Every structure is written in structure tokens, then in C-alpha cells.
PDB file of N, CA and C in Angstrom:
ATOM      1  N   MET A   1      -2.091 -19.160 -95.615  1.00  0.00           N
ATOM      2  CA  MET A   1      -1.047 -18.354 -95.004  1.00  0.00           C
ATOM      3  C   MET A   1      -1.646 -17.545 -93.849  1.00  0.00           C
ATOM      4  N   SER A   2      -1.025 -17.625 -92.712  1.00  0.00           N
ATOM      5  CA  SER A   2      -1.532 -16.880 -91.564  1.00  0.00           C
ATOM      6  C   SER A   2      -0.878 -15.500 -91.499  1.00  0.00           C
ATOM      7  N   LEU A   3      -1.635 -14.551 -91.017  1.00  0.00           N
ATOM      8  CA  LEU A   3      -1.127 -13.191 -90.876  1.00  0.00           C
ATOM      9  C   LEU A   3      -0.301 -13.063 -89.608  1.00  0.00           C
ATOM     10  N   LYS A   4       0.653 -12.158 -89.634  1.00  0.00           N
ATOM     11  CA  LYS A   4       1.429 -11.848 -88.437  1.00  0.00           C
ATOM     12  C   LYS A   4       0.585 -10.952 -87.534  1.00  0.00           C
ATOM     13  N   ALA A   5       0.913 -10.946 -86.262  1.00  0.00           N
ATOM     14  CA  ALA A   5       0.173 -10.140 -85.289  1.00  0.00           C
ATOM     15  C   ALA A   5       0.156  -8.664 -85.688  1.00  0.00           C
ATOM     16  N   ILE A   6       1.267  -8.160 -86.206  1.00  0.00           N
ATOM     17  CA  ILE A   6       1.342  -6.741 -86.564  1.00  0.00           C
ATOM     18  C   ILE A   6       0.405  -6.421 -87.727  1.00  0.00           C
ATOM     19  N   ASP A   7       0.258  -7.353 -88.663  1.00  0.00           N
ATOM     20  CA  ASP A   7      -0.654  -7.148 -89.791  1.00  0.00           C
ATOM     21  C   ASP A   7      -2.109  -7.234 -89.346  1.00  0.00           C
ATOM     22  N   ILE A   8      -2.379  -8.105 -88.401  1.00  0.00           N
ATOM     23  CA  ILE A   8      -3.727  -8.198 -87.839  1.00  0.00           C
ATOM     24  C   ILE A   8      -4.065  -6.893 -87.120  1.00  0.00           C
ATOM     25  N   ALA A   9      -3.103  -6.359 -86.387  1.00  0.00           N
ATOM     26  CA  ALA A   9      -3.313  -5.087 -85.687  1.00  0.00           C
ATOM     27  C   ALA A   9      -3.623  -3.977 -86.687  1.00  0.00           C
ATOM     28  N   TYR A  10      -2.901  -3.948 -87.786  1.00  0.00           N
ATOM     29  CA  TYR A  10      -3.141  -2.931 -88.810  1.00  0.00           C
ATOM     30  C   TYR A  10      -4.570  -3.044 -89.343  1.00  0.00           C
ATOM     31  N   ASN A  11      -4.990  -4.263 -89.669  1.00  0.00           N
ATOM     32  CA  ASN A  11      -6.345  -4.465 -90.193  1.00  0.00           C
ATOM     33  C   ASN A  11      -7.409  -4.101 -89.165  1.00  0.00           C
ATOM     34  N   LYS A  12      -7.167  -4.442 -87.906  1.00  0.00           N
ATOM     35  CA  LYS A  12      -8.132  -4.105 -86.852  1.00  0.00           C
ATOM     36  C   LYS A  12      -8.274  -2.596 -86.709  1.00  0.00           C
ATOM     37  N   LEU A  13      -7.146  -1.899 -86.659  1.00  0.00           N
ATOM     38  CA  LEU A  13      -7.203  -0.446 -86.511  1.00  0.00           C
ATOM     39  C   LEU A  13      -7.773   0.221 -87.760  1.00  0.00           C
ATOM     40  N   LEU A  14      -7.563  -0.372 -88.901  1.00  0.00           N
ATOM     41  CA  LEU A  14      -8.109   0.149 -90.148  1.00  0.00           C
ATOM     42  C   LEU A  14      -9.634   0.126 -90.109  1.00  0.00           C
ATOM     43  N   ASN A  15     -10.190  -0.884 -89.449  1.00  0.00           N
ATOM     44  CA  ASN A  15     -11.644  -1.032 -89.365  1.00  0.00           C
ATOM     45  C   ASN A  15     -12.258  -0.320 -88.160  1.00  0.00           C
ATOM     46  N   GLU A  16     -11.441   0.221 -87.292  1.00  0.00           N
ATOM     47  CA  GLU A  16     -11.932   0.957 -86.120  1.00  0.00           C
ATOM     48  C   GLU A  16     -12.050   2.441 -86.461  1.00  0.00           C
ATOM     49  N   LYS A  17     -12.994   3.115 -85.838  1.00  0.00           N
ATOM     50  CA  LYS A  17     -13.124   4.559 -86.052  1.00  0.00           C
ATOM     51  C   LYS A  17     -12.121   5.325 -85.208  1.00  0.00           C
ATOM     52  N   GLU A  18     -11.750   4.751 -84.084  1.00  0.00           N
ATOM     53  CA  GLU A  18     -10.790   5.383 -83.179  1.00  0.00           C
ATOM     54  C   GLU A  18      -9.699   4.368 -82.859  1.00  0.00           C
ATOM     55  N   GLY A  19      -8.685   4.826 -82.144  1.00  0.00           N
ATOM     56  CA  GLY A  19      -7.607   3.935 -81.747  1.00  0.00           C
ATOM     57  C   GLY A  19      -8.061   2.957 -80.680  1.00  0.00           C
ATOM     58  N   MET A  20      -7.144   2.092 -80.308  1.00  0.00           N
ATOM     59  CA  MET A  20      -7.417   1.094 -79.275  1.00  0.00           C
ATOM     60  C   MET A  20      -6.280   1.111 -78.269  1.00  0.00           C
ATOM     61  N   SER A  21      -6.617   0.841 -77.027  1.00  0.00           N
ATOM     62  CA  SER A  21      -5.560   0.718 -76.031  1.00  0.00           C
ATOM     63  C   SER A  21      -4.732  -0.519 -76.375  1.00  0.00           C
ATOM     64  N   PHE A  22      -3.490  -0.520 -75.916  1.00  0.00           N
ATOM     65  CA  PHE A  22      -2.644  -1.682 -76.190  1.00  0.00           C
ATOM     66  C   PHE A  22      -3.287  -2.947 -75.636  1.00  0.00           C
ATOM     67  N   LYS A  23      -3.850  -2.839 -74.456  1.00  0.00           N
ATOM     68  CA  LYS A  23      -4.474  -3.999 -73.810  1.00  0.00           C
ATOM     69  C   LYS A  23      -5.608  -4.562 -74.672  1.00  0.00           C
ATOM     70  N   GLU A  24      -6.467  -3.678 -75.183  1.00  0.00           N
ATOM     71  CA  GLU A  24      -7.569  -4.120 -76.043  1.00  0.00           C
ATOM     72  C   GLU A  24      -7.046  -4.725 -77.348  1.00  0.00           C
ATOM     73  N   LEU A  25      -6.066  -4.058 -77.928  1.00  0.00           N
ATOM     74  CA  LEU A  25      -5.502  -4.511 -79.195  1.00  0.00           C
ATOM     75  C   LEU A  25      -4.857  -5.888 -79.035  1.00  0.00           C
ATOM     76  N   TRP A  26      -4.061  -6.041 -77.977  1.00  0.00           N
ATOM     77  CA  TRP A  26      -3.390  -7.328 -77.759  1.00  0.00           C
ATOM     78  C   TRP A  26      -4.406  -8.429 -77.459  1.00  0.00           C
ATOM     79  N   SER A  27      -5.407  -8.130 -76.659  1.00  0.00           N
ATOM     80  CA  SER A  27      -6.425  -9.120 -76.321  1.00  0.00           C
ATOM     81  C   SER A  27      -7.140  -9.603 -77.586  1.00  0.00           C
ATOM     82  N   SER A  28      -7.461  -8.672 -78.455  1.00  0.00           N
ATOM     83  CA  SER A  28      -8.136  -9.003 -79.698  1.00  0.00           C
ATOM     84  C   SER A  28      -7.261  -9.887 -80.594  1.00  0.00           C
ATOM     85  N   ILE A  29      -5.996  -9.531 -80.704  1.00  0.00           N
ATOM     86  CA  ILE A  29      -5.058 -10.302 -81.524  1.00  0.00           C
ATOM     87  C   ILE A  29      -4.826 -11.680 -80.912  1.00  0.00           C
ATOM     88  N   ASN A  30      -4.652 -11.712 -79.609  1.00  0.00           N
ATOM     89  CA  ASN A  30      -4.434 -12.971 -78.901  1.00  0.00           C
ATOM     90  C   ASN A  30      -5.613 -13.922 -79.116  1.00  0.00           C
ATOM     91  N   ASN A  31      -6.829 -13.388 -79.042  1.00  0.00           N
ATOM     92  CA  ASN A  31      -8.020 -14.216 -79.269  1.00  0.00           C
ATOM     93  C   ASN A  31      -8.064 -14.736 -80.700  1.00  0.00           C
ATOM     94  N   GLU A  32      -7.711 -13.880 -81.654  1.00  0.00           N
ATOM     95  CA  GLU A  32      -7.753 -14.286 -83.058  1.00  0.00           C
ATOM     96  C   GLU A  32      -6.705 -15.354 -83.377  1.00  0.00           C
ATOM     97  N   LEU A  33      -5.522 -15.201 -82.812  1.00  0.00           N
ATOM     98  CA  LEU A  33      -4.450 -16.156 -83.095  1.00  0.00           C
ATOM     99  C   LEU A  33      -4.515 -17.396 -82.211  1.00  0.00           C
ATOM    100  N   GLY A  34      -5.269 -17.313 -81.115  1.00  0.00           N
ATOM    101  CA  GLY A  34      -5.469 -18.467 -80.252  1.00  0.00           C
ATOM    102  C   GLY A  34      -4.239 -18.910 -79.482  1.00  0.00           C
ATOM    103  N   TYR A  35      -3.415 -17.956 -79.067  1.00  0.00           N
ATOM    104  CA  TYR A  35      -2.227 -18.298 -78.288  1.00  0.00           C
ATOM    105  C   TYR A  35      -2.626 -18.833 -76.922  1.00  0.00           C
ATOM    106  N   ASP A  36      -1.882 -19.840 -76.440  1.00  0.00           N
ATOM    107  CA  ASP A  36      -2.087 -20.251 -75.056  1.00  0.00           C
ATOM    108  C   ASP A  36      -1.353 -19.245 -74.160  1.00  0.00           C
ATOM    109  N   GLU A  37      -1.566 -19.350 -72.866  1.00  0.00           N
ATOM    110  CA  GLU A  37      -1.048 -18.343 -71.928  1.00  0.00           C
ATOM    111  C   GLU A  37       0.471 -18.200 -71.991  1.00  0.00           C
ATOM    112  N   LYS A  38       1.167 -19.316 -72.100  1.00  0.00           N
ATOM    113  CA  LYS A  38       2.630 -19.294 -72.116  1.00  0.00           C
ATOM    114  C   LYS A  38       3.158 -18.618 -73.386  1.00  0.00           C
ATOM    115  N   ILE A  39       2.607 -18.981 -74.524  1.00  0.00           N
ATOM    116  CA  ILE A  39       3.043 -18.382 -75.788  1.00  0.00           C
ATOM    117  C   ILE A  39       2.649 -16.908 -75.837  1.00  0.00           C
ATOM    118  N   ALA A  40       1.443 -16.592 -75.379  1.00  0.00           N
ATOM    119  CA  ALA A  40       0.977 -15.203 -75.386  1.00  0.00           C
ATOM    120  C   ALA A  40       1.906 -14.310 -74.579  1.00  0.00           C
ATOM    121  N   SER A  41       2.371 -14.821 -73.465  1.00  0.00           N
ATOM    122  CA  SER A  41       3.283 -14.047 -72.620  1.00  0.00           C
ATOM    123  C   SER A  41       4.577 -13.719 -73.363  1.00  0.00           C
ATOM    124  N   ARG A  42       5.098 -14.682 -74.106  1.00  0.00           N
ATOM    125  CA  ARG A  42       6.326 -14.473 -74.883  1.00  0.00           C
ATOM    126  C   ARG A  42       6.102 -13.533 -76.063  1.00  0.00           C
ATOM    127  N   LYS A  43       4.985 -13.690 -76.733  1.00  0.00           N
ATOM    128  CA  LYS A  43       4.708 -12.933 -77.954  1.00  0.00           C
ATOM    129  C   LYS A  43       4.312 -11.482 -77.676  1.00  0.00           C
ATOM    130  N   LYS A  44       3.785 -11.221 -76.499  1.00  0.00           N
ATOM    131  CA  LYS A  44       3.272  -9.890 -76.178  1.00  0.00           C
ATOM    132  C   LYS A  44       4.362  -8.825 -76.261  1.00  0.00           C
ATOM    133  N   SER A  45       5.514  -9.081 -75.689  1.00  0.00           N
ATOM    134  CA  SER A  45       6.589  -8.083 -75.714  1.00  0.00           C
ATOM    135  C   SER A  45       7.125  -7.888 -77.129  1.00  0.00           C
ATOM    136  N   GLN A  46       7.199  -8.961 -77.909  1.00  0.00           N
ATOM    137  CA  GLN A  46       7.642  -8.832 -79.301  1.00  0.00           C
ATOM    138  C   GLN A  46       6.635  -8.013 -80.106  1.00  0.00           C
ATOM    139  N   PHE A  47       5.347  -8.229 -79.845  1.00  0.00           N
ATOM    140  CA  PHE A  47       4.314  -7.464 -80.540  1.00  0.00           C
ATOM    141  C   PHE A  47       4.433  -5.981 -80.202  1.00  0.00           C
ATOM    142  N   TYR A  48       4.657  -5.667 -78.929  1.00  0.00           N
ATOM    143  CA  TYR A  48       4.791  -4.262 -78.528  1.00  0.00           C
ATOM    144  C   TYR A  48       5.994  -3.626 -79.233  1.00  0.00           C
ATOM    145  N   THR A  49       7.085  -4.356 -79.306  1.00  0.00           N
ATOM    146  CA  THR A  49       8.274  -3.860 -80.006  1.00  0.00           C
ATOM    147  C   THR A  49       7.964  -3.628 -81.480  1.00  0.00           C
ATOM    148  N   ASP A  50       7.310  -4.586 -82.108  1.00  0.00           N
ATOM    149  CA  ASP A  50       6.948  -4.444 -83.520  1.00  0.00           C
ATOM    150  C   ASP A  50       6.041  -3.241 -83.739  1.00  0.00           C
ATOM    151  N   LEU A  51       5.088  -3.062 -82.849  1.00  0.00           N
ATOM    152  CA  LEU A  51       4.150  -1.945 -82.939  1.00  0.00           C
ATOM    153  C   LEU A  51       4.890  -0.614 -82.834  1.00  0.00           C
ATOM    154  N   THR A  52       5.846  -0.558 -81.943  1.00  0.00           N
ATOM    155  CA  THR A  52       6.623   0.659 -81.730  1.00  0.00           C
ATOM    156  C   THR A  52       7.501   0.983 -82.935  1.00  0.00           C
ATOM    157  N   LEU A  53       8.069  -0.032 -83.555  1.00  0.00           N
ATOM    158  CA  LEU A  53       9.006   0.181 -84.658  1.00  0.00           C
ATOM    159  C   LEU A  53       8.335   0.340 -86.019  1.00  0.00           C
ATOM    160  N   ASP A  54       7.112  -0.136 -86.148  1.00  0.00           N
ATOM    161  CA  ASP A  54       6.412  -0.078 -87.431  1.00  0.00           C
ATOM    162  C   ASP A  54       5.889   1.340 -87.660  1.00  0.00           C
ATOM    163  N   GLY A  55       6.304   1.963 -88.727  1.00  0.00           N
ATOM    164  CA  GLY A  55       5.958   3.350 -89.022  1.00  0.00           C
ATOM    165  C   GLY A  55       4.494   3.597 -89.324  1.00  0.00           C
ATOM    166  N   ARG A  56       3.707   2.551 -89.479  1.00  0.00           N
ATOM    167  CA  ARG A  56       2.276   2.737 -89.751  1.00  0.00           C
ATOM    168  C   ARG A  56       1.486   3.092 -88.500  1.00  0.00           C
ATOM    169  N   PHE A  57       2.077   2.846 -87.336  1.00  0.00           N
ATOM    170  CA  PHE A  57       1.363   3.016 -86.074  1.00  0.00           C
ATOM    171  C   PHE A  57       1.921   4.185 -85.279  1.00  0.00           C
ATOM    172  N   VAL A  58       1.068   4.729 -84.412  1.00  0.00           N
ATOM    173  CA  VAL A  58       1.502   5.792 -83.514  1.00  0.00           C
ATOM    174  C   VAL A  58       0.822   5.583 -82.164  1.00  0.00           C
ATOM    175  N   MET A  59       1.587   5.832 -81.094  1.00  0.00           N
ATOM    176  CA  MET A  59       1.013   5.750 -79.759  1.00  0.00           C
ATOM    177  C   MET A  59       0.584   7.149 -79.345  1.00  0.00           C
ATOM    178  N   LEU A  60      -0.655   7.248 -78.921  1.00  0.00           N
ATOM    179  CA  LEU A  60      -1.200   8.511 -78.452  1.00  0.00           C
ATOM    180  C   LEU A  60      -1.225   8.492 -76.924  1.00  0.00           C
ATOM    181  N   GLU A  61      -1.968   9.388 -76.340  1.00  0.00           N
ATOM    182  CA  GLU A  61      -2.038   9.447 -74.877  1.00  0.00           C
ATOM    183  C   GLU A  61      -2.621   8.154 -74.301  1.00  0.00           C
ATOM    184  N   ASN A  62      -2.214   7.838 -73.096  1.00  0.00           N
ATOM    185  CA  ASN A  62      -2.738   6.699 -72.328  1.00  0.00           C
ATOM    186  C   ASN A  62      -2.550   5.358 -73.029  1.00  0.00           C
ATOM    187  N   ASN A  63      -1.450   5.221 -73.766  1.00  0.00           N
ATOM    188  CA  ASN A  63      -1.106   3.969 -74.438  1.00  0.00           C
ATOM    189  C   ASN A  63      -2.178   3.522 -75.430  1.00  0.00           C
ATOM    190  N   VAL A  64      -2.832   4.506 -76.052  1.00  0.00           N
ATOM    191  CA  VAL A  64      -3.790   4.231 -77.119  1.00  0.00           C
ATOM    192  C   VAL A  64      -3.031   4.263 -78.433  1.00  0.00           C
ATOM    193  N   TRP A  65      -3.248   3.240 -79.251  1.00  0.00           N
ATOM    194  CA  TRP A  65      -2.563   3.116 -80.534  1.00  0.00           C
ATOM    195  C   TRP A  65      -3.533   3.360 -81.666  1.00  0.00           C
ATOM    196  N   ASN A  66      -3.027   3.999 -82.717  1.00  0.00           N
ATOM    197  CA  ASN A  66      -3.833   4.262 -83.892  1.00  0.00           C
ATOM    198  C   ASN A  66      -2.931   4.224 -85.108  1.00  0.00           C
ATOM    199  N   LEU A  67      -3.534   4.330 -86.273  1.00  0.00           N
ATOM    200  CA  LEU A  67      -2.761   4.403 -87.506  1.00  0.00           C
ATOM    201  C   LEU A  67      -2.259   5.827 -87.687  1.00  0.00           C
ATOM    202  N   LYS A  68      -1.004   5.961 -87.980  1.00  0.00           N
ATOM    203  CA  LYS A  68      -0.405   7.283 -88.146  1.00  0.00           C
ATOM    204  C   LYS A  68      -1.101   8.060 -89.261  1.00  0.00           C
ATOM    205  N   SER A  69      -1.531   7.375 -90.292  1.00  0.00           N
ATOM    206  CA  SER A  69      -2.140   8.026 -91.449  1.00  0.00           C
ATOM    207  C   SER A  69      -3.455   8.722 -91.127  1.00  0.00           C
ATOM    208  N   ARG A  70      -4.102   8.363 -90.030  1.00  0.00           N
ATOM    209  CA  ARG A  70      -5.377   8.999 -89.718  1.00  0.00           C
ATOM    210  C   ARG A  70      -5.281  10.005 -88.563  1.00  0.00           C
ATOM    211  N   CYS A  71      -4.094  10.221 -88.056  1.00  0.00           N
ATOM    212  CA  CYS A  71      -3.919  11.149 -86.942  1.00  0.00           C
ATOM    213  C   CYS A  71      -3.403  12.494 -87.435  1.00  0.00           C
ATOM    214  N   LYS A  72      -3.855  13.530 -86.776  1.00  0.00           N
ATOM    215  CA  LYS A  72      -3.361  14.870 -87.077  1.00  0.00           C
ATOM    216  C   LYS A  72      -2.011  15.065 -86.396  1.00  0.00           C
ATOM    217  N   TYR A  73      -1.221  15.957 -86.963  1.00  0.00           N
ATOM    218  CA  TYR A  73       0.110  16.226 -86.419  1.00  0.00           C
ATOM    219  C   TYR A  73       0.031  16.631 -84.951  1.00  0.00           C
ATOM    220  N   GLN A  74      -0.977  17.405 -84.589  1.00  0.00           N
ATOM    221  CA  GLN A  74      -1.104  17.880 -83.211  1.00  0.00           C
ATOM    222  C   GLN A  74      -1.267  16.722 -82.229  1.00  0.00           C
ATOM    223  N   GLN A  75      -1.845  15.620 -82.678  1.00  0.00           N
ATOM    224  CA  GLN A  75      -2.013  14.458 -81.807  1.00  0.00           C
ATOM    225  C   GLN A  75      -0.692  13.729 -81.609  1.00  0.00           C
ATOM    226  N   ILE A  76       0.156  13.781 -82.621  1.00  0.00           N
ATOM    227  CA  ILE A  76       1.402  13.027 -82.612  1.00  0.00           C
ATOM    228  C   ILE A  76       2.548  13.833 -82.027  1.00  0.00           C
ATOM    229  N   GLU A  77       2.466  15.150 -82.120  1.00  0.00           N
ATOM    230  CA  GLU A  77       3.560  16.032 -81.709  1.00  0.00           C
ATOM    231  C   GLU A  77       4.016  15.726 -80.287  1.00  0.00           C
ATOM    232  N   ILE A  78       5.307  15.699 -80.081  1.00  0.00           N
ATOM    233  CA  ILE A  78       5.891  15.420 -78.771  1.00  0.00           C
ATOM    234  C   ILE A  78       5.923  16.703 -77.955  1.00  0.00           C
ATOM    235  N   ASP A  79       5.443  16.633 -76.741  1.00  0.00           N
ATOM    236  CA  ASP A  79       5.465  17.777 -75.843  1.00  0.00           C
ATOM    237  C   ASP A  79       6.794  17.770 -75.098  1.00  0.00           C
ATOM    238  N   GLU A  80       7.706  18.648 -75.512  1.00  0.00           N
ATOM    239  CA  GLU A  80       9.043  18.680 -74.918  1.00  0.00           C
ATOM    240  C   GLU A  80       9.008  19.072 -73.448  1.00  0.00           C
ATOM    241  N   ASP A  81       8.030  19.880 -73.053  1.00  0.00           N
ATOM    242  CA  ASP A  81       7.912  20.269 -71.647  1.00  0.00           C
ATOM    243  C   ASP A  81       7.646  19.050 -70.769  1.00  0.00           C
ATOM    244  N   GLU A  82       6.886  18.103 -71.285  1.00  0.00           N
ATOM    245  CA  GLU A  82       6.595  16.892 -70.523  1.00  0.00           C
ATOM    246  C   GLU A  82       7.873  16.110 -70.244  1.00  0.00           C
ATOM    247  N   PHE A  83       8.784  16.084 -71.217  1.00  0.00           N
ATOM    248  CA  PHE A  83      10.050  15.405 -71.004  1.00  0.00           C
ATOM    249  C   PHE A  83      10.861  16.110 -69.926  1.00  0.00           C
ATOM    250  N   GLU A  84      10.870  17.428 -69.955  1.00  0.00           N
ATOM    251  CA  GLU A  84      11.647  18.178 -68.971  1.00  0.00           C
ATOM    252  C   GLU A  84      11.089  17.986 -67.569  1.00  0.00           C
ATOM    253  N   GLU A  85       9.774  17.926 -67.438  1.00  0.00           N
ATOM    254  CA  GLU A  85       9.156  17.749 -66.128  1.00  0.00           C
ATOM    255  C   GLU A  85       9.456  16.369 -65.551  1.00  0.00           C
ATOM    256  N   ASN A  86       9.536  15.383 -66.415  1.00  0.00           N
ATOM    257  CA  ASN A  86       9.742  14.007 -65.970  1.00  0.00           C
ATOM    258  C   ASN A  86      11.180  13.549 -66.130  1.00  0.00           C
ATOM    259  N   ASP A  87      12.068  14.484 -66.352  1.00  0.00           N
ATOM    260  CA  ASP A  87      13.474  14.165 -66.587  1.00  0.00           C
ATOM    261  C   ASP A  87      14.133  13.722 -65.288  1.00  0.00           C
ATOM    262  N   ASP A  88      14.808  12.590 -65.334  1.00  0.00           N
ATOM    263  CA  ASP A  88      15.501  12.069 -64.157  1.00  0.00           C
ATOM    264  C   ASP A  88      16.912  12.614 -64.035  1.00  0.00           C
ATOM    265  N   PHE A  89      17.341  13.380 -65.008  1.00  0.00           N
ATOM    266  CA  PHE A  89      18.698  13.903 -65.003  1.00  0.00           C
ATOM    267  C   PHE A  89      18.875  14.868 -63.837  1.00  0.00           C
ATOM    268  N   ASP A  90      19.899  14.661 -63.069  1.00  0.00           N
ATOM    269  CA  ASP A  90      20.179  15.481 -61.899  1.00  0.00           C
ATOM    270  C   ASP A  90      21.078  16.639 -62.318  1.00  0.00           C
ATOM    271  N   GLU A  91      20.517  17.839 -62.337  1.00  0.00           N
ATOM    272  CA  GLU A  91      21.278  19.000 -62.801  1.00  0.00           C
ATOM    273  C   GLU A  91      22.465  19.314 -61.898  1.00  0.00           C
ATOM    274  N   GLU A  92      22.408  18.882 -60.647  1.00  0.00           N
ATOM    275  CA  GLU A  92      23.528  19.130 -59.742  1.00  0.00           C
ATOM    276  C   GLU A  92      24.775  18.393 -60.204  1.00  0.00           C
ATOM    277  N   ASN A  93      24.602  17.270 -60.851  1.00  0.00           N
ATOM    278  CA  ASN A  93      25.729  16.466 -61.308  1.00  0.00           C
ATOM    279  C   ASN A  93      26.123  16.766 -62.749  1.00  0.00           C
ATOM    280  N   GLU A  94      25.496  17.757 -63.333  1.00  0.00           N
ATOM    281  CA  GLU A  94      25.762  18.096 -64.729  1.00  0.00           C
ATOM    282  C   GLU A  94      27.228  18.448 -64.956  1.00  0.00           C
ATOM    283  N   ASP A  95      27.853  19.144 -63.996  1.00  0.00           N
ATOM    284  CA  ASP A  95      29.250  19.542 -64.136  1.00  0.00           C
ATOM    285  C   ASP A  95      30.177  18.332 -64.201  1.00  0.00           C
ATOM    286  N   GLU A  96      29.811  17.244 -63.542  1.00  0.00           N
ATOM    287  CA  GLU A  96      30.637  16.037 -63.576  1.00  0.00           C
ATOM    288  C   GLU A  96      30.790  15.530 -65.001  1.00  0.00           C
ATOM    289  N   PHE A  97      29.698  15.596 -65.770  1.00  0.00           N
ATOM    290  CA  PHE A  97      29.752  15.134 -67.152  1.00  0.00           C
ATOM    291  C   PHE A  97      30.627  16.047 -67.997  1.00  0.00           C
ATOM    292  N   ASP A  98      30.564  17.349 -67.745  1.00  0.00           N
ATOM    293  CA  ASP A  98      31.405  18.287 -68.480  1.00  0.00           C
ATOM    294  C   ASP A  98      32.877  18.016 -68.197  1.00  0.00           C
ATOM    295  N   ASP A  99      33.222  17.746 -66.924  1.00  0.00           N
ATOM    296  CA  ASP A  99      34.606  17.458 -66.556  1.00  0.00           C
ATOM    297  C   ASP A  99      35.104  16.192 -67.249  1.00  0.00           C
ATOM    298  N   GLU A 100      34.245  15.169 -67.319  1.00  0.00           N
ATOM    299  CA  GLU A 100      34.625  13.923 -67.977  1.00  0.00           C
ATOM    300  C   GLU A 100      34.888  14.151 -69.459  1.00  0.00           C
ATOM    301  N   ASP A 101      34.066  14.982 -70.094  1.00  0.00           N
ATOM    302  CA  ASP A 101      34.255  15.278 -71.514  1.00  0.00           C
ATOM    303  C   ASP A 101      35.586  15.975 -71.749  1.00  0.00           C
ATOM    304  N   GLU A 102      35.928  16.916 -70.865  1.00  0.00           N
ATOM    305  CA  GLU A 102      37.191  17.641 -71.004  1.00  0.00           C
ATOM    306  C   GLU A 102      38.378  16.692 -70.839  1.00  0.00           C
ATOM    307  N   GLU A 103      38.286  15.763 -69.880  1.00  0.00           N
ATOM    308  CA  GLU A 103      39.359  14.793 -69.664  1.00  0.00           C
ATOM    309  C   GLU A 103      39.528  13.897 -70.892  1.00  0.00           C
ATOM    310  N   ASP A 104      38.411  13.473 -71.475  1.00  0.00           N
ATOM    311  CA  ASP A 104      38.473  12.637 -72.674  1.00  0.00           C
ATOM    312  C   ASP A 104      39.135  13.382 -73.823  1.00  0.00           C
ATOM    313  N   GLU A 105      38.802  14.659 -73.977  1.00  0.00           N
ATOM    314  CA  GLU A 105      39.398  15.458 -75.046  1.00  0.00           C
ATOM    315  C   GLU A 105      40.908  15.597 -74.845  1.00  0.00           C
ATOM    316  N   GLU A 106      41.331  15.817 -73.593  1.00  0.00           N
ATOM    317  CA  GLU A 106      42.758  15.957 -73.303  1.00  0.00           C
ATOM    318  C   GLU A 106      43.498  14.652 -73.611  1.00  0.00           C
ATOM    319  N   GLU A 107      42.901  13.511 -73.253  1.00  0.00           N
ATOM    320  CA  GLU A 107      43.526  12.219 -73.534  1.00  0.00           C
ATOM    321  C   GLU A 107      43.654  11.994 -75.033  1.00  0.00           C
ATOM    322  N   ASN A 108      42.622  12.366 -75.780  1.00  0.00           N
ATOM    323  CA  ASN A 108      42.655  12.195 -77.232  1.00  0.00           C
ATOM    324  C   ASN A 108      43.729  13.068 -77.862  1.00  0.00           C
ATOM    325  N   GLU A 109      43.907  14.285 -77.344  1.00  0.00           N
ATOM    326  CA  GLU A 109      44.939  15.177 -77.868  1.00  0.00           C
ATOM    327  C   GLU A 109      46.325  14.603 -77.603  1.00  0.00           C
ATOM    328  N   GLU A 110      46.523  14.013 -76.413  1.00  0.00           N
ATOM    329  CA  GLU A 110      47.812  13.417 -76.070  1.00  0.00           C
ATOM    330  C   GLU A 110      48.110  12.217 -76.963  1.00  0.00           C
ATOM    331  N   ASP A 111      47.081  11.446 -77.293  1.00  0.00           N
ATOM    332  CA  ASP A 111      47.259  10.268 -78.141  1.00  0.00           C
ATOM    333  C   ASP A 111      47.664  10.643 -79.563  1.00  0.00           C
ATOM    334  N   GLU A 112      47.264  11.809 -80.007  1.00  0.00           N
ATOM    335  CA  GLU A 112      47.564  12.233 -81.368  1.00  0.00           C
ATOM    336  C   GLU A 112      49.050  12.517 -81.550  1.00  0.00           C
ATOM    337  N   TYR A 113      49.740  12.874 -80.491  1.00  0.00           N
ATOM    338  CA  TYR A 113      51.163  13.255 -80.620  1.00  0.00           C
ATOM    339  C   TYR A 113      52.056  12.131 -80.309  1.00  0.00           C
TER     340      TYR A 113
END
């Protein structure tokens, strides 16, 4: 029985003292599974999705992945200020969204009667 890429990643990180960049992790898995270039290209995005959704893993700074069980909370904690600094939301248009919400509420009230 062959292991899935996500299980291989878990075993690799389990044996590492520190995390691995996604590039290093994928290269290692790709070499172990022996994917050709075409298959590797297809499987890479699925592996990234699996890695993101699997609760055993956590992405740290600079796309370095590690096992969640060995990381301290401070390493995993989300910096909300970073989101605000990189937020693409245009505050000038914020009122437009409020107006749309009010219109939707008025339409829903009319539909009730």
C-alpha cells in the first residue's frame, strides 16, 4: 500500500527538527513518489490544498510548514494588524455596502406583507 502525499509530509515533518518550506517539502515528496513533470504539476496544487485543510499542519512565516502539535501558540497566532495593513478593502466605498444592506432589508420587509 502506498502512502498519500499528505501522510508522507506528516512523516517527513515528524522526523525534522524544524519546519520545511513548501518548496522543500513538495520537492521531497515528489522525489519519493516519483511523479513525472506533468503529474507533479497537477498534484502540487491538490497537495497544497490538502496541507492547508489538514489540521495536523500549520503554515508559519515565509510559507514554512510544520506540525501544529510542536508549535507554540505565539507562532501560530494571527496578527490582525497585518491583515489591516494589507487589506484591499476601500474604505471610501464602505458606505455603498451599507446602502445596499438597507435596500435589501427594505425589500425583505415589503415581501413579508
